[in-house]
PDB file of N, CA and C in Angstrom:
ATOM      1  N   MET A   1     -14.580 -22.436  -1.339  1.00  0.00           N
ATOM      2  CA  MET A   1     -15.256 -22.056  -2.568  1.00  0.00           C
ATOM      3  C   MET A   1     -14.257 -22.131  -3.717  1.00  0.00           C
ATOM      4  N   SER A   2     -14.574 -22.908  -4.719  1.00  0.00           N
ATOM      5  CA  SER A   2     -13.671 -23.020  -5.857  1.00  0.00           C
ATOM      6  C   SER A   2     -14.001 -21.956  -6.896  1.00  0.00           C
ATOM      7  N   PRO A   3     -12.967 -21.469  -7.597  1.00  0.00           N
ATOM      8  CA  PRO A   3     -13.219 -20.433  -8.598  1.00  0.00           C
ATOM      9  C   PRO A   3     -14.012 -20.975  -9.773  1.00  0.00           C
ATOM     10  N   THR A   4     -14.817 -20.137 -10.322  1.00  0.00           N
ATOM     11  CA  THR A   4     -15.562 -20.478 -11.523  1.00  0.00           C
ATOM     12  C   THR A   4     -14.820 -19.891 -12.714  1.00  0.00           C
ATOM     13  N   PRO A   5     -15.088 -20.382 -13.916  1.00  0.00           N
ATOM     14  CA  PRO A   5     -14.364 -19.873 -15.083  1.00  0.00           C
ATOM     15  C   PRO A   5     -14.467 -18.359 -15.272  1.00  0.00           C
ATOM     16  N   ASP A   6     -15.549 -17.746 -14.838  1.00  0.00           N
ATOM     17  CA  ASP A   6     -15.710 -16.312 -15.037  1.00  0.00           C
ATOM     18  C   ASP A   6     -15.282 -15.496 -13.819  1.00  0.00           C
ATOM     19  N   ALA A   7     -14.788 -16.161 -12.775  1.00  0.00           N
ATOM     20  CA  ALA A   7     -14.366 -15.445 -11.569  1.00  0.00           C
ATOM     21  C   ALA A   7     -13.024 -14.757 -11.821  1.00  0.00           C
ATOM     22  N   PRO A   8     -12.839 -13.560 -11.283  1.00  0.00           N
ATOM     23  CA  PRO A   8     -11.550 -12.887 -11.413  1.00  0.00           C
ATOM     24  C   PRO A   8     -10.437 -13.728 -10.776  1.00  0.00           C
ATOM     25  N   ARG A   9      -9.263 -13.648 -11.313  1.00  0.00           N
ATOM     26  CA  ARG A   9      -8.144 -14.465 -10.848  1.00  0.00           C
ATOM     27  C   ARG A   9      -7.793 -14.210  -9.386  1.00  0.00           C
ATOM     28  N   PHE A  10      -7.840 -12.983  -8.936  1.00  0.00           N
ATOM     29  CA  PHE A  10      -7.435 -12.640  -7.578  1.00  0.00           C
ATOM     30  C   PHE A  10      -8.610 -12.366  -6.649  1.00  0.00           C
ATOM     31  N   GLY A  11      -9.809 -12.621  -7.085  1.00  0.00           N
ATOM     32  CA  GLY A  11     -10.978 -12.378  -6.261  1.00  0.00           C
ATOM     33  C   GLY A  11     -11.756 -11.173  -6.746  1.00  0.00           C
ATOM     34  N   ARG A  12     -12.869 -10.954  -6.125  1.00  0.00           N
ATOM     35  CA  ARG A  12     -13.736  -9.852  -6.536  1.00  0.00           C
ATOM     36  C   ARG A  12     -13.475  -8.567  -5.760  1.00  0.00           C
ATOM     37  N   VAL A  13     -13.040  -8.686  -4.497  1.00  0.00           N
ATOM     38  CA  VAL A  13     -12.785  -7.500  -3.670  1.00  0.00           C
ATOM     39  C   VAL A  13     -11.334  -7.539  -3.194  1.00  0.00           C
ATOM     40  N   ILE A  14     -10.533  -6.606  -3.683  1.00  0.00           N
ATOM     41  CA  ILE A  14      -9.138  -6.471  -3.273  1.00  0.00           C
ATOM     42  C   ILE A  14      -9.038  -5.134  -2.539  1.00  0.00           C
ATOM     43  N   THR A  15      -8.614  -5.188  -1.283  1.00  0.00           N
ATOM     44  CA  THR A  15      -8.593  -3.992  -0.440  1.00  0.00           C
ATOM     45  C   THR A  15      -7.172  -3.474  -0.274  1.00  0.00           C
ATOM     46  N   ALA A  16      -6.995  -2.175  -0.490  1.00  0.00           N
ATOM     47  CA  ALA A  16      -5.730  -1.508  -0.180  1.00  0.00           C
ATOM     48  C   ALA A  16      -5.748  -1.228   1.323  1.00  0.00           C
ATOM     49  N   MET A  17      -5.057  -2.065   2.066  1.00  0.00           N
ATOM     50  CA  MET A  17      -5.091  -1.990   3.528  1.00  0.00           C
ATOM     51  C   MET A  17      -4.145  -0.910   4.041  1.00  0.00           C
ATOM     52  N   VAL A  18      -4.640  -0.076   4.914  1.00  0.00           N
ATOM     53  CA  VAL A  18      -3.758   0.901   5.546  1.00  0.00           C
ATOM     54  C   VAL A  18      -2.783   0.169   6.455  1.00  0.00           C
ATOM     55  N   THR A  19      -1.647   0.768   6.679  1.00  0.00           N
ATOM     56  CA  THR A  19      -0.652   0.205   7.584  1.00  0.00           C
ATOM     57  C   THR A  19      -0.789   0.902   8.927  1.00  0.00           C
ATOM     58  N   PRO A  20      -1.138   0.156   9.978  1.00  0.00           N
ATOM     59  CA  PRO A  20      -1.321   0.798  11.283  1.00  0.00           C
ATOM     60  C   PRO A  20       0.010   1.120  11.963  1.00  0.00           C
ATOM     61  N   PHE A  21       0.045   2.261  12.597  1.00  0.00           N
ATOM     62  CA  PHE A  21       1.187   2.694  13.398  1.00  0.00           C
ATOM     63  C   PHE A  21       0.702   2.983  14.808  1.00  0.00           C
ATOM     64  N   ASP A  22       1.594   2.841  15.790  1.00  0.00           N
ATOM     65  CA  ASP A  22       1.211   3.152  17.169  1.00  0.00           C
ATOM     66  C   ASP A  22       1.374   4.646  17.428  1.00  0.00           C
ATOM     67  N   ASP A  23       1.110   5.068  18.647  1.00  0.00           N
ATOM     68  CA  ASP A  23       1.171   6.495  18.987  1.00  0.00           C
ATOM     69  C   ASP A  23       2.573   7.083  18.851  1.00  0.00           C
ATOM     70  N   ALA A  24       3.587   6.228  18.902  1.00  0.00           N
ATOM     71  CA  ALA A  24       4.970   6.692  18.757  1.00  0.00           C
ATOM     72  C   ALA A  24       5.430   6.672  17.299  1.00  0.00           C
ATOM     73  N   GLY A  25       4.546   6.265  16.390  1.00  0.00           N
ATOM     74  CA  GLY A  25       4.886   6.237  14.974  1.00  0.00           C
ATOM     75  C   GLY A  25       5.551   4.956  14.513  1.00  0.00           C
ATOM     76  N   ARG A  26       5.574   3.936  15.364  1.00  0.00           N
ATOM     77  CA  ARG A  26       6.156   2.647  14.996  1.00  0.00           C
ATOM     78  C   ARG A  26       5.098   1.755  14.348  1.00  0.00           C
ATOM     79  N   LEU A  27       5.553   0.890  13.468  1.00  0.00           N
ATOM     80  CA  LEU A  27       4.668  -0.072  12.827  1.00  0.00           C
ATOM     81  C   LEU A  27       3.997  -0.929  13.894  1.00  0.00           C
ATOM     82  N   ASP A  28       2.681  -1.073  13.810  1.00  0.00           N
ATOM     83  CA  ASP A  28       1.925  -1.868  14.784  1.00  0.00           C
ATOM     84  C   ASP A  28       1.515  -3.182  14.121  1.00  0.00           C
ATOM     85  N   ILE A  29       2.375  -4.189  14.292  1.00  0.00           N
ATOM     86  CA  ILE A  29       2.179  -5.484  13.647  1.00  0.00           C
ATOM     87  C   ILE A  29       0.889  -6.156  14.118  1.00  0.00           C
ATOM     88  N   GLN A  30       0.616  -6.112  15.409  1.00  0.00           N
ATOM     89  CA  GLN A  30      -0.589  -6.763  15.930  1.00  0.00           C
ATOM     90  C   GLN A  30      -1.849  -6.114  15.368  1.00  0.00           C
ATOM     91  N   ALA A  31      -1.863  -4.794  15.289  1.00  0.00           N
ATOM     92  CA  ALA A  31      -3.021  -4.098  14.717  1.00  0.00           C
ATOM     93  C   ALA A  31      -3.177  -4.450  13.237  1.00  0.00           C
ATOM     94  N   ALA A  32      -2.056  -4.625  12.533  1.00  0.00           N
ATOM     95  CA  ALA A  32      -2.124  -5.007  11.120  1.00  0.00           C
ATOM     96  C   ALA A  32      -2.735  -6.393  10.968  1.00  0.00           C
ATOM     97  N   ALA A  33      -2.307  -7.331  11.806  1.00  0.00           N
ATOM     98  CA  ALA A  33      -2.864  -8.684  11.753  1.00  0.00           C
ATOM     99  C   ALA A  33      -4.352  -8.667  12.083  1.00  0.00           C
ATOM    100  N   ASP A  34      -4.725  -7.906  13.101  1.00  0.00           N
ATOM    101  CA  ASP A  34      -6.140  -7.802  13.478  1.00  0.00           C
ATOM    102  C   ASP A  34      -6.968  -7.205  12.340  1.00  0.00           C
ATOM    103  N   LEU A  35      -6.449  -6.151  11.729  1.00  0.00           N
ATOM    104  CA  LEU A  35      -7.159  -5.506  10.618  1.00  0.00           C
ATOM    105  C   LEU A  35      -7.286  -6.460   9.427  1.00  0.00           C
ATOM    106  N   ALA A  36      -6.225  -7.184   9.122  1.00  0.00           N
ATOM    107  CA  ALA A  36      -6.270  -8.140   8.003  1.00  0.00           C
ATOM    108  C   ALA A  36      -7.329  -9.205   8.246  1.00  0.00           C
ATOM    109  N   ARG A  37      -7.383  -9.732   9.467  1.00  0.00           N
ATOM    110  CA  ARG A  37      -8.412 -10.736   9.788  1.00  0.00           C
ATOM    111  C   ARG A  37      -9.809 -10.140   9.630  1.00  0.00           C
ATOM    112  N   TRP A  38     -10.001  -8.910  10.097  1.00  0.00           N
ATOM    113  CA  TRP A  38     -11.308  -8.255  10.002  1.00  0.00           C
ATOM    114  C   TRP A  38     -11.694  -8.065   8.536  1.00  0.00           C
ATOM    115  N   LEU A  39     -10.762  -7.576   7.731  1.00  0.00           N
ATOM    116  CA  LEU A  39     -11.053  -7.346   6.314  1.00  0.00           C
ATOM    117  C   LEU A  39     -11.399  -8.650   5.603  1.00  0.00           C
ATOM    118  N   ALA A  40     -10.653  -9.710   5.895  1.00  0.00           N
ATOM    119  CA  ALA A  40     -10.929 -11.001   5.270  1.00  0.00           C
ATOM    120  C   ALA A  40     -12.289 -11.544   5.703  1.00  0.00           C
ATOM    121  N   ALA A  41     -12.627 -11.346   6.955  1.00  0.00           N
ATOM    122  CA  ALA A  41     -13.908 -11.836   7.472  1.00  0.00           C
ATOM    123  C   ALA A  41     -15.097 -11.037   6.933  1.00  0.00           C
ATOM    124  N   HIS A  42     -14.823  -9.840   6.429  1.00  0.00           N
ATOM    125  CA  HIS A  42     -15.906  -8.978   5.960  1.00  0.00           C
ATOM    126  C   HIS A  42     -15.897  -8.754   4.454  1.00  0.00           C
ATOM    127  N   GLY A  43     -15.340  -9.732   3.708  1.00  0.00           N
ATOM    128  CA  GLY A  43     -15.530  -9.705   2.272  1.00  0.00           C
ATOM    129  C   GLY A  43     -14.330  -9.423   1.398  1.00  0.00           C
ATOM    130  N   SER A  44     -13.182  -9.112   1.968  1.00  0.00           N
ATOM    131  CA  SER A  44     -12.000  -8.882   1.127  1.00  0.00           C
ATOM    132  C   SER A  44     -11.424 -10.213   0.683  1.00  0.00           C
ATOM    133  N   ASP A  45     -11.246 -10.375  -0.615  1.00  0.00           N
ATOM    134  CA  ASP A  45     -10.642 -11.587  -1.174  1.00  0.00           C
ATOM    135  C   ASP A  45      -9.128 -11.485  -1.227  1.00  0.00           C
ATOM    136  N   GLY A  46      -8.611 -10.280  -1.184  1.00  0.00           N
ATOM    137  CA  GLY A  46      -7.173 -10.051  -1.227  1.00  0.00           C
ATOM    138  C   GLY A  46      -6.840  -8.724  -0.590  1.00  0.00           C
ATOM    139  N   LEU A  47      -5.580  -8.584  -0.182  1.00  0.00           N
ATOM    140  CA  LEU A  47      -5.126  -7.349   0.460  1.00  0.00           C
ATOM    141  C   LEU A  47      -3.865  -6.853  -0.233  1.00  0.00           C
ATOM    142  N   VAL A  48      -3.789  -5.553  -0.431  1.00  0.00           N
ATOM    143  CA  VAL A  48      -2.596  -4.909  -0.968  1.00  0.00           C
ATOM    144  C   VAL A  48      -1.936  -4.220   0.212  1.00  0.00           C
ATOM    145  N   LEU A  49      -0.654  -4.528   0.446  1.00  0.00           N
ATOM    146  CA  LEU A  49       0.035  -4.067   1.649  1.00  0.00           C
ATOM    147  C   LEU A  49       1.187  -3.122   1.372  1.00  0.00           C
ATOM    148  N   SER A  50       1.569  -2.429   2.398  1.00  0.00           N
ATOM    149  CA  SER A  50       2.791  -1.613   2.524  1.00  0.00           C
ATOM    150  C   SER A  50       3.039  -0.655   1.370  1.00  0.00           C
ATOM    151  N   GLY A  51       2.224   0.315   1.298  1.00  0.00           N
ATOM    152  CA  GLY A  51       2.482   1.354   0.327  1.00  0.00           C
ATOM    153  C   GLY A  51       1.323   1.703  -0.560  1.00  0.00           C
ATOM    154  N   SER A  52       0.308   0.867  -0.524  1.00  0.00           N
ATOM    155  CA  SER A  52      -0.826   1.130  -1.395  1.00  0.00           C
ATOM    156  C   SER A  52      -1.571   2.389  -0.998  1.00  0.00           C
ATOM    157  N   THR A  53      -1.367   2.850   0.228  1.00  0.00           N
ATOM    158  CA  THR A  53      -2.002   4.101   0.661  1.00  0.00           C
ATOM    159  C   THR A  53      -0.947   5.148   1.021  1.00  0.00           C
ATOM    160  N   GLY A  54       0.285   4.978   0.528  1.00  0.00           N
ATOM    161  CA  GLY A  54       1.307   6.013   0.625  1.00  0.00           C
ATOM    162  C   GLY A  54       2.355   5.843   1.705  1.00  0.00           C
ATOM    163  N   GLU A  55       2.272   4.838   2.551  1.00  0.00           N
ATOM    164  CA  GLU A  55       3.192   4.736   3.670  1.00  0.00           C
ATOM    165  C   GLU A  55       4.483   3.981   3.349  1.00  0.00           C
ATOM    166  N   SER A  56       4.634   3.474   2.168  1.00  0.00           N
ATOM    167  CA  SER A  56       5.812   2.687   1.811  1.00  0.00           C
ATOM    168  C   SER A  56       7.117   3.435   2.057  1.00  0.00           C
ATOM    169  N   SER A  57       7.119   4.711   1.828  1.00  0.00           N
ATOM    170  CA  SER A  57       8.359   5.491   1.952  1.00  0.00           C
ATOM    171  C   SER A  57       8.848   5.603   3.391  1.00  0.00           C
ATOM    172  N   VAL A  58       7.994   5.319   4.361  1.00  0.00           N
ATOM    173  CA  VAL A  58       8.418   5.425   5.764  1.00  0.00           C
ATOM    174  C   VAL A  58       8.679   4.064   6.401  1.00  0.00           C
ATOM    175  N   LEU A  59       8.537   2.989   5.633  1.00  0.00           N
ATOM    176  CA  LEU A  59       8.803   1.651   6.154  1.00  0.00           C
ATOM    177  C   LEU A  59      10.161   1.159   5.659  1.00  0.00           C
ATOM    178  N   THR A  60      10.906   0.519   6.556  1.00  0.00           N
ATOM    179  CA  THR A  60      12.155  -0.118   6.136  1.00  0.00           C
ATOM    180  C   THR A  60      11.814  -1.420   5.422  1.00  0.00           C
ATOM    181  N   ASP A  61      12.783  -1.974   4.726  1.00  0.00           N
ATOM    182  CA  ASP A  61      12.562  -3.267   4.079  1.00  0.00           C
ATOM    183  C   ASP A  61      12.203  -4.318   5.121  1.00  0.00           C
ATOM    184  N   GLU A  62      12.873  -4.291   6.255  1.00  0.00           N
ATOM    185  CA  GLU A  62      12.585  -5.250   7.324  1.00  0.00           C
ATOM    186  C   GLU A  62      11.144  -5.101   7.839  1.00  0.00           C
ATOM    187  N   GLU A  63      10.687  -3.867   7.993  1.00  0.00           N
ATOM    188  CA  GLU A  63       9.307  -3.651   8.439  1.00  0.00           C
ATOM    189  C   GLU A  63       8.306  -4.168   7.410  1.00  0.00           C
ATOM    190  N   LYS A  64       8.603  -3.972   6.141  1.00  0.00           N
ATOM    191  CA  LYS A  64       7.708  -4.478   5.093  1.00  0.00           C
ATOM    192  C   LYS A  64       7.610  -5.997   5.155  1.00  0.00           C
ATOM    193  N   VAL A  65       8.739  -6.668   5.328  1.00  0.00           N
ATOM    194  CA  VAL A  65       8.739  -8.131   5.420  1.00  0.00           C
ATOM    195  C   VAL A  65       7.978  -8.571   6.661  1.00  0.00           C
ATOM    196  N   ASP A  66       8.212  -7.889   7.788  1.00  0.00           N
ATOM    197  CA  ASP A  66       7.487  -8.219   9.024  1.00  0.00           C
ATOM    198  C   ASP A  66       5.979  -8.063   8.819  1.00  0.00           C
ATOM    199  N   LEU A  67       5.582  -6.999   8.141  1.00  0.00           N
ATOM    200  CA  LEU A  67       4.162  -6.752   7.875  1.00  0.00           C
ATOM    201  C   LEU A  67       3.588  -7.842   6.985  1.00  0.00           C
ATOM    202  N   TRP A  68       4.266  -8.172   5.907  1.00  0.00           N
ATOM    203  CA  TRP A  68       3.771  -9.221   4.986  1.00  0.00           C
ATOM    204  C   TRP A  68       3.622 -10.552   5.710  1.00  0.00           C
ATOM    205  N   ARG A  69       4.627 -10.906   6.512  1.00  0.00           N
ATOM    206  CA  ARG A  69       4.561 -12.175   7.245  1.00  0.00           C
ATOM    207  C   ARG A  69       3.409 -12.201   8.241  1.00  0.00           C
ATOM    208  N   ALA A  70       3.250 -11.108   8.999  1.00  0.00           N
ATOM    209  CA  ALA A  70       2.187 -11.050   9.999  1.00  0.00           C
ATOM    210  C   ALA A  70       0.814 -11.167   9.357  1.00  0.00           C
ATOM    211  N   VAL A  71       0.619 -10.481   8.243  1.00  0.00           N
ATOM    212  CA  VAL A  71      -0.678 -10.522   7.565  1.00  0.00           C
ATOM    213  C   VAL A  71      -0.897 -11.905   6.946  1.00  0.00           C
ATOM    214  N   ALA A  72       0.119 -12.462   6.326  1.00  0.00           N
ATOM    215  CA  ALA A  72      -0.024 -13.808   5.742  1.00  0.00           C
ATOM    216  C   ALA A  72      -0.361 -14.827   6.820  1.00  0.00           C
ATOM    217  N   ASP A  73       0.289 -14.731   7.963  1.00  0.00           N
ATOM    218  CA  ASP A  73       0.000 -15.649   9.070  1.00  0.00           C
ATOM    219  C   ASP A  73      -1.428 -15.437   9.604  1.00  0.00           C
ATOM    220  N   ALA A  74      -1.886 -14.196   9.586  1.00  0.00           N
ATOM    221  CA  ALA A  74      -3.194 -13.863  10.142  1.00  0.00           C
ATOM    222  C   ALA A  74      -4.340 -14.356   9.272  1.00  0.00           C
ATOM    223  N   VAL A  75      -4.151 -14.324   7.966  1.00  0.00           N
ATOM    224  CA  VAL A  75      -5.232 -14.696   7.062  1.00  0.00           C
ATOM    225  C   VAL A  75      -4.889 -15.909   6.229  1.00  0.00           C
TER     226      VAL A  75
END
């Protein structure tokens, strides 16, 4: 679908995606990729990652990069 002149630049639905963690409190990359695919398949035009819902302070820089890469690869 190509953008129309009146379409928003980043899409109509931008979702602040939660960052999934496992039961031990570690970043769950696979769950993040699965969630990103689900959100994209159900109407999200864009995703805001790693901190949009408050978890940024508990992620290392390396975890943030891993999360961004996994989500980009997934969608």
